[in-house]
Structure formats: structure tokens, C-alpha cells
Amino acid sequence: MKDDQIIKLLKVVMAVGILLLLTGIYLHMYEPRIEAMGVTGILISSGCVAFGMILSLPTKMFITFLLVKREADMAKQKNKRLQ
């Protein structure tokens, strides 16, 4: 896969992770059926939050590393032009 395709895939995974985070927060705070379920409801909402965090954090780090690499490459090119 090319870097552009990987970045698009990681952005989709990150978006799914953020949606799971928001879903878990919504279920925990505003859904009365989840509250009525007791411990099972807490496990469901916390599971959504946990999987959302798992999906969103590593992709952000990878995209950050790609951006840092891109900036370093641009700085090298700029230095070559100045010399």
C-alpha cells in the first residue's frame, strides 16, 4: 500500500475510534436503558470507550510520525536549495 492509502485507512480507523468513544460517553450519560442494566450496562459503555481509545490513539501517533518525516524531508530539500 502507498502512504496515501495507509493514511486514508488510518483516518477511517481513527474516525471509528472517535465515534466509539462518543457512543460510549452517550450510553453512559444519557441512555436510561444502559443505566437500568446495571453492571452489564457499565461494561457495554466502558467497552465502547476502551475500544474507541484503542482504535484512535495509535493511528494519531502514526500520522504524527509521517508528518514529522515529511517536515524533515522538506527541511532537507530547503537546505539543498540554499547551498
C-alpha atoms as a PDB file:
ATOM      1  CA  MET A   1       0.000   0.000   0.000  1.00  0.00           C
ATOM      2  CA  LYS A   2       1.103   3.527  -0.674  1.00  0.00           C
ATOM      3  CA  ASP A   3       1.475   6.077   2.103  1.00  0.00           C
ATOM      4  CA  ASP A   4      -1.625   7.964   0.942  1.00  0.00           C
ATOM      5  CA  GLN A   5      -3.744   4.821   1.129  1.00  0.00           C
ATOM      6  CA  ILE A   6      -2.379   3.966   4.569  1.00  0.00           C
ATOM      7  CA  ILE A   7      -3.108   7.474   5.807  1.00  0.00           C
ATOM      8  CA  LYS A   8      -6.681   7.307   4.498  1.00  0.00           C
ATOM      9  CA  LEU A   9      -7.184   3.910   6.147  1.00  0.00           C
ATOM     10  CA  LEU A  10      -5.787   5.179   9.435  1.00  0.00           C
ATOM     11  CA  LYS A  11      -8.019   8.244   9.293  1.00  0.00           C
ATOM     12  CA  VAL A  12     -11.044   5.962   8.866  1.00  0.00           C
ATOM     13  CA  VAL A  13      -9.906   3.804  11.793  1.00  0.00           C
ATOM     14  CA  MET A  14      -9.347   6.933  13.875  1.00  0.00           C
ATOM     15  CA  ALA A  15     -12.829   8.234  12.997  1.00  0.00           C
ATOM     16  CA  VAL A  16     -14.372   4.899  14.011  1.00  0.00           C
ATOM     17  CA  GLY A  17     -12.453   5.091  17.289  1.00  0.00           C
ATOM     18  CA  ILE A  18     -13.705   8.596  17.996  1.00  0.00           C
ATOM     19  CA  LEU A  19     -17.264   7.540  17.182  1.00  0.00           C
ATOM     20  CA  LEU A  20     -16.949   4.614  19.601  1.00  0.00           C
ATOM     21  CA  LEU A  21     -15.677   6.997  22.278  1.00  0.00           C
ATOM     22  CA  LEU A  22     -18.613   9.324  21.751  1.00  0.00           C
ATOM     23  CA  THR A  23     -21.038   6.394  21.695  1.00  0.00           C
ATOM     24  CA  GLY A  24     -19.673   5.093  24.988  1.00  0.00           C
ATOM     25  CA  ILE A  25     -19.968   8.518  26.590  1.00  0.00           C
ATOM     26  CA  TYR A  26     -23.509   8.926  25.271  1.00  0.00           C
ATOM     27  CA  LEU A  27     -24.533   5.489  26.529  1.00  0.00           C
ATOM     28  CA  HIS A  28     -23.083   6.145  29.962  1.00  0.00           C
ATOM     29  CA  MET A  29     -24.502   9.627  30.422  1.00  0.00           C
ATOM     30  CA  TYR A  30     -27.817   9.818  28.587  1.00  0.00           C
ATOM     31  CA  GLU A  31     -29.232   6.351  27.919  1.00  0.00           C
ATOM     32  CA  PRO A  32     -31.626   5.201  30.667  1.00  0.00           C
ATOM     33  CA  ARG A  33     -31.738   1.607  29.387  1.00  0.00           C
ATOM     34  CA  ILE A  34     -27.986   1.245  29.922  1.00  0.00           C
ATOM     35  CA  GLU A  35     -28.367   2.593  33.462  1.00  0.00           C
ATOM     36  CA  ALA A  36     -31.183   0.134  34.119  1.00  0.00           C
ATOM     37  CA  MET A  37     -28.938  -2.761  33.028  1.00  0.00           C
ATOM     38  CA  GLY A  38     -26.635  -2.150  35.983  1.00  0.00           C
ATOM     39  CA  VAL A  39     -23.158  -3.633  35.761  1.00  0.00           C
ATOM     40  CA  THR A  40     -23.777  -5.018  32.269  1.00  0.00           C
ATOM     41  CA  GLY A  41     -24.643  -1.541  31.031  1.00  0.00           C
ATOM     42  CA  ILE A  42     -21.499  -0.123  32.564  1.00  0.00           C
ATOM     43  CA  LEU A  43     -19.454  -2.837  30.845  1.00  0.00           C
ATOM     44  CA  ILE A  44     -21.066  -2.053  27.494  1.00  0.00           C
ATOM     45  CA  SER A  45     -20.422   1.696  27.719  1.00  0.00           C
ATOM     46  CA  SER A  46     -16.892   1.259  29.064  1.00  0.00           C
ATOM     47  CA  GLY A  47     -16.176  -1.309  26.332  1.00  0.00           C
ATOM     48  CA  CYS A  48     -17.142   1.235  23.693  1.00  0.00           C
ATOM     49  CA  VAL A  49     -14.847   3.807  25.283  1.00  0.00           C
ATOM     50  CA  ALA A  50     -11.974   1.329  25.621  1.00  0.00           C
ATOM     51  CA  PHE A  51     -12.151   0.104  22.024  1.00  0.00           C
ATOM     52  CA  GLY A  52     -12.529   3.681  20.832  1.00  0.00           C
ATOM     53  CA  MET A  53      -9.332   4.659  22.623  1.00  0.00           C
ATOM     54  CA  ILE A  54      -7.522   1.607  21.270  1.00  0.00           C
ATOM     55  CA  LEU A  55      -8.522   2.492  17.715  1.00  0.00           C
ATOM     56  CA  SER A  56      -7.862   6.207  17.917  1.00  0.00           C
ATOM     57  CA  LEU A  57      -4.530   6.555  19.748  1.00  0.00           C
ATOM     58  CA  PRO A  58      -2.071   4.505  17.651  1.00  0.00           C
ATOM     59  CA  THR A  59      -3.294   5.999  14.395  1.00  0.00           C
ATOM     60  CA  LYS A  60      -2.758   9.531  15.693  1.00  0.00           C
ATOM     61  CA  MET A  61       0.812   8.661  16.617  1.00  0.00           C
ATOM     62  CA  PHE A  62       1.484   7.110  13.198  1.00  0.00           C
ATOM     63  CA  ILE A  63       0.075  10.122  11.363  1.00  0.00           C
ATOM     64  CA  THR A  64       2.191  12.388  13.563  1.00  0.00           C
ATOM     65  CA  PHE A  65       5.315  10.390  12.698  1.00  0.00           C
ATOM     66  CA  LEU A  66       4.502  10.666   8.994  1.00  0.00           C
ATOM     67  CA  LEU A  67       4.049  14.427   9.304  1.00  0.00           C
ATOM     68  CA  VAL A  68       7.351  14.782  11.170  1.00  0.00           C
ATOM     69  CA  LYS A  69       9.077  12.741   8.468  1.00  0.00           C
ATOM     70  CA  ARG A  70       7.524  14.914   5.768  1.00  0.00           C
ATOM     71  CA  GLU A  71       8.698  18.082   7.534  1.00  0.00           C
ATOM     72  CA  ALA A  72      12.223  16.676   7.835  1.00  0.00           C
ATOM     73  CA  ASP A  73      12.264  15.844   4.115  1.00  0.00           C
ATOM     74  CA  MET A  74      11.070  19.344   3.264  1.00  0.00           C
ATOM     75  CA  ALA A  75      13.762  20.862   5.503  1.00  0.00           C
ATOM     76  CA  LYS A  76      16.423  18.780   3.719  1.00  0.00           C
ATOM     77  CA  GLN A  77      15.181  19.958   0.339  1.00  0.00           C
ATOM     78  CA  LYS A  78      15.185  23.569   1.550  1.00  0.00           C
ATOM     79  CA  ASN A  79      18.769  23.200   2.801  1.00  0.00           C
ATOM     80  CA  LYS A  80      19.861  21.766  -0.566  1.00  0.00           C
ATOM     81  CA  ARG A  81      18.333  24.742  -2.385  1.00  0.00           C
ATOM     82  CA  LEU A  82      20.105  27.221  -0.119  1.00  0.00           C
ATOM     83  CA  GLN A  83      23.514  25.632  -0.685  1.00  0.00           C
END
